[in-house]
C-alpha atoms as a PDB file:
ATOM      1  CA  UNK A   1      53.546-109.458  59.673  1.00  0.00           C
ATOM      2  CA  UNK A   2      56.959-109.805  58.430  1.00  0.00           C
ATOM      3  CA  UNK A   3      56.504-113.936  58.911  1.00  0.00           C
ATOM      4  CA  UNK A   4      53.320-113.679  56.784  1.00  0.00           C
ATOM      5  CA  UNK A   5      54.145-111.676  54.340  1.00  0.00           C
ATOM      6  CA  UNK A   6      57.086-113.840  53.022  1.00  0.00           C
ATOM      7  CA  UNK A   7      55.403-117.690  53.496  1.00  0.00           C
ATOM      8  CA  UNK A   8      52.046-115.829  51.312  1.00  0.00           C
ATOM      9  CA  UNK A   9      54.934-114.026  49.122  1.00  0.00           C
ATOM     10  CA  UNK A  10      57.297-117.521  48.752  1.00  0.00           C
ATOM     11  CA  UNK A  11      60.851-115.894  48.604  1.00  0.00           C
ATOM     12  CA  UNK A  12      59.920-112.297  47.865  1.00  0.00           C
ATOM     13  CA  UNK A  13      61.366-109.929  50.962  1.00  0.00           C
ATOM     14  CA  UNK A  14      58.688-109.322  53.211  1.00  0.00           C
ATOM     15  CA  UNK A  15      58.343-104.905  52.057  1.00  0.00           C
ATOM     16  CA  UNK A  16      56.668-106.910  48.643  1.00  0.00           C
ATOM     17  CA  UNK A  17      53.481-107.545  50.408  1.00  0.00           C
ATOM     18  CA  UNK A  18      51.237-104.520  53.057  1.00  0.00           C
ATOM     19  CA  UNK A  19      49.274-107.010  55.514  1.00  0.00           C
ATOM     20  CA  UNK A  20      47.577-103.201  56.622  1.00  0.00           C
ATOM     21  CA  UNK A  21      44.465-104.982  59.045  1.00  0.00           C
ATOM     22  CA  UNK A  22      45.638-108.238  59.323  1.00  0.00           C
ATOM     23  CA  UNK A  23      48.363-107.777  61.590  1.00  0.00           C
ATOM     24  CA  UNK A  24      46.988-110.679  63.986  1.00  0.00           C
ATOM     25  CA  UNK A  25      47.067-112.869  60.650  1.00  0.00           C
ATOM     26  CA  UNK A  26      46.550-116.578  61.078  1.00  0.00           C
ATOM     27  CA  UNK A  27      49.831-116.598  58.833  1.00  0.00           C
ATOM     28  CA  UNK A  28      52.145-115.853  61.696  1.00  0.00           C
ATOM     29  CA  UNK A  29      51.074-118.567  63.287  1.00  0.00           C
ATOM     30  CA  UNK A  30      53.177-121.112  60.916  1.00  0.00           C
ATOM     31  CA  UNK A  31      56.093-122.514  62.701  1.00  0.00           C
ATOM     32  CA  UNK A  32      59.367-121.374  61.751  1.00  0.00           C
ATOM     33  CA  UNK A  33      60.319-125.491  60.431  1.00  0.00           C
ATOM     34  CA  UNK A  34      57.061-125.814  57.940  1.00  0.00           C
ATOM     35  CA  UNK A  35      57.825-121.967  55.858  1.00  0.00           C
ATOM     36  CA  UNK A  36      59.779-123.679  53.291  1.00  0.00           C
ATOM     37  CA  UNK A  37      57.371-125.802  53.041  1.00  0.00           C
ATOM     38  CA  UNK A  38      54.117-124.115  52.671  1.00  0.00           C
ATOM     39  CA  UNK A  39      55.928-121.640  50.093  1.00  0.00           C
ATOM     40  CA  UNK A  40      56.807-125.054  48.122  1.00  0.00           C
ATOM     41  CA  UNK A  41      53.059-126.007  48.449  1.00  0.00           C
ATOM     42  CA  UNK A  42      52.206-122.537  47.126  1.00  0.00           C
ATOM     43  CA  UNK A  43      54.569-122.269  44.312  1.00  0.00           C
ATOM     44  CA  UNK A  44      53.725-126.008  42.908  1.00  0.00           C
ATOM     45  CA  UNK A  45      49.592-124.730  43.422  1.00  0.00           C
ATOM     46  CA  UNK A  46      51.093-122.174  41.027  1.00  0.00           C
ATOM     47  CA  UNK A  47      52.711-124.602  38.321  1.00  0.00           C
ATOM     48  CA  UNK A  48      50.716-127.531  38.809  1.00  0.00           C
ATOM     49  CA  UNK A  49      47.253-126.995  40.127  1.00  0.00           C
ATOM     50  CA  UNK A  50      43.412-127.331  38.218  1.00  0.00           C
ATOM     51  CA  UNK A  51      42.134-124.306  37.803  1.00  0.00           C
ATOM     52  CA  UNK A  52      40.060-123.990  40.416  1.00  0.00           C
ATOM     53  CA  UNK A  53      40.595-126.905  41.984  1.00  0.00           C
ATOM     54  CA  UNK A  54      41.391-126.470  45.472  1.00  0.00           C
ATOM     55  CA  UNK A  55      44.186-128.412  47.030  1.00  0.00           C
ATOM     56  CA  UNK A  56      44.641-128.480  51.024  1.00  0.00           C
ATOM     57  CA  UNK A  57      48.269-127.465  52.968  1.00  0.00           C
ATOM     58  CA  UNK A  58      48.654-128.024  57.108  1.00  0.00           C
ATOM     59  CA  UNK A  59      51.318-127.251  59.626  1.00  0.00           C
ATOM     60  CA  UNK A  60      52.977-129.772  61.424  1.00  0.00           C
ATOM     61  CA  UNK A  61      51.228-130.951  64.480  1.00  0.00           C
ATOM     62  CA  UNK A  62      52.147-129.187  67.599  1.00  0.00           C
ATOM     63  CA  UNK A  63      51.042-129.350  71.366  1.00  0.00           C
ATOM     64  CA  UNK A  64      50.812-126.195  72.391  1.00  0.00           C
ATOM     65  CA  UNK A  65      48.962-124.624  69.331  1.00  0.00           C
ATOM     66  CA  UNK A  66      45.922-125.514  65.951  1.00  0.00           C
ATOM     67  CA  UNK A  67      47.523-126.554  63.269  1.00  0.00           C
ATOM     68  CA  UNK A  68      47.120-123.875  60.205  1.00  0.00           C
ATOM     69  CA  UNK A  69      45.216-125.105  57.697  1.00  0.00           C
ATOM     70  CA  UNK A  70      45.818-123.898  53.863  1.00  0.00           C
ATOM     71  CA  UNK A  71      42.876-123.701  51.298  1.00  0.00           C
ATOM     72  CA  UNK A  72      44.520-123.268  48.208  1.00  0.00           C
ATOM     73  CA  UNK A  73      42.617-122.765  44.721  1.00  0.00           C
ATOM     74  CA  UNK A  74      44.700-121.458  41.239  1.00  0.00           C
ATOM     75  CA  UNK A  75      42.949-119.265  38.626  1.00  0.00           C
ATOM     76  CA  UNK A  76      43.408-120.031  35.175  1.00  0.00           C
ATOM     77  CA  UNK A  77      46.689-119.059  33.417  1.00  0.00           C
ATOM     78  CA  UNK A  78      46.869-116.235  31.062  1.00  0.00           C
ATOM     79  CA  UNK A  79      49.790-115.654  29.629  1.00  0.00           C
ATOM     80  CA  UNK A  80      50.546-112.604  27.946  1.00  0.00           C
ATOM     81  CA  UNK A  81      54.106-110.759  26.800  1.00  0.00           C
ATOM     82  CA  UNK A  82      54.662-107.926  28.171  1.00  0.00           C
ATOM     83  CA  UNK A  83      53.892-109.017  31.956  1.00  0.00           C
ATOM     84  CA  UNK A  84      54.392-113.665  31.706  1.00  0.00           C
ATOM     85  CA  UNK A  85      52.573-115.832  33.453  1.00  0.00           C
ATOM     86  CA  UNK A  86      50.211-114.913  35.997  1.00  0.00           C
ATOM     87  CA  UNK A  87      47.490-116.313  37.814  1.00  0.00           C
ATOM     88  CA  UNK A  88      45.370-115.338  41.016  1.00  0.00           C
ATOM     89  CA  UNK A  89      45.306-117.460  43.843  1.00  0.00           C
ATOM     90  CA  UNK A  90      42.830-117.728  46.194  1.00  0.00           C
ATOM     91  CA  UNK A  91      43.664-118.771  49.796  1.00  0.00           C
ATOM     92  CA  UNK A  92      41.543-119.678  52.887  1.00  0.00           C
ATOM     93  CA  UNK A  93      43.924-119.915  55.829  1.00  0.00           C
ATOM     94  CA  UNK A  94      42.368-121.337  59.403  1.00  0.00           C
ATOM     95  CA  UNK A  95      43.328-122.028  63.190  1.00  0.00           C
ATOM     96  CA  UNK A  96      40.622-122.828  64.852  1.00  0.00           C
ATOM     97  CA  UNK A  97      37.886-120.735  64.325  1.00  0.00           C
ATOM     98  CA  UNK A  98      39.317-117.602  63.493  1.00  0.00           C
ATOM     99  CA  UNK A  99      39.582-117.796  59.543  1.00  0.00           C
ATOM    100  CA  UNK A 100      41.076-115.207  56.715  1.00  0.00           C
ATOM    101  CA  UNK A 101      40.713-115.360  52.582  1.00  0.00           C
ATOM    102  CA  UNK A 102      43.028-113.921  50.117  1.00  0.00           C
ATOM    103  CA  UNK A 103      43.433-113.372  46.889  1.00  0.00           C
ATOM    104  CA  UNK A 104      46.238-112.349  45.468  1.00  0.00           C
ATOM    105  CA  UNK A 105      47.629-111.977  42.019  1.00  0.00           C
ATOM    106  CA  UNK A 106      51.350-113.954  40.436  1.00  0.00           C
ATOM    107  CA  UNK A 107      52.882-113.483  37.821  1.00  0.00           C
ATOM    108  CA  UNK A 108      56.353-115.451  36.319  1.00  0.00           C
ATOM    109  CA  UNK A 109      58.222-114.149  33.482  1.00  0.00           C
ATOM    110  CA  UNK A 110      60.280-116.694  31.800  1.00  0.00           C
ATOM    111  CA  UNK A 111      62.279-119.243  34.997  1.00  0.00           C
ATOM    112  CA  UNK A 112      61.834-115.898  37.386  1.00  0.00           C
ATOM    113  CA  UNK A 113      60.291-117.620  40.913  1.00  0.00           C
ATOM    114  CA  UNK A 114      56.557-116.049  41.138  1.00  0.00           C
ATOM    115  CA  UNK A 115      55.811-112.462  42.655  1.00  0.00           C
ATOM    116  CA  UNK A 116      53.263-111.291  43.651  1.00  0.00           C
ATOM    117  CA  UNK A 117      51.916-108.571  41.692  1.00  0.00           C
ATOM    118  CA  UNK A 118      48.349-107.692  43.477  1.00  0.00           C
ATOM    119  CA  UNK A 119      46.620-108.292  46.653  1.00  0.00           C
ATOM    120  CA  UNK A 120      42.820-108.744  46.886  1.00  0.00           C
END
């Protein structure tokens, strides 16, 4: 569970995101060697992704398990003085026939990394 939170939360502490009932999350199946790549993909999508335009990511090939695939679509960027830059990221994450849909609010103040501010 902590890994899934970290994978979705970028470089945040695992406690930043409670997965609640998703203790069997597909995100738990992302291979360790792909975690940094997935975090970078999330950050790039938040930084430069076109609103509503999905971007696809997939884990590396493995003989023993199917790839994990993620389709991420950012919302329009919203900027306010107190909150900074805010953006919702819709994610459809799948492995074989198991699929999950996530909607996560991220915010960024100044030069800080994106941080999760809410989960739908």
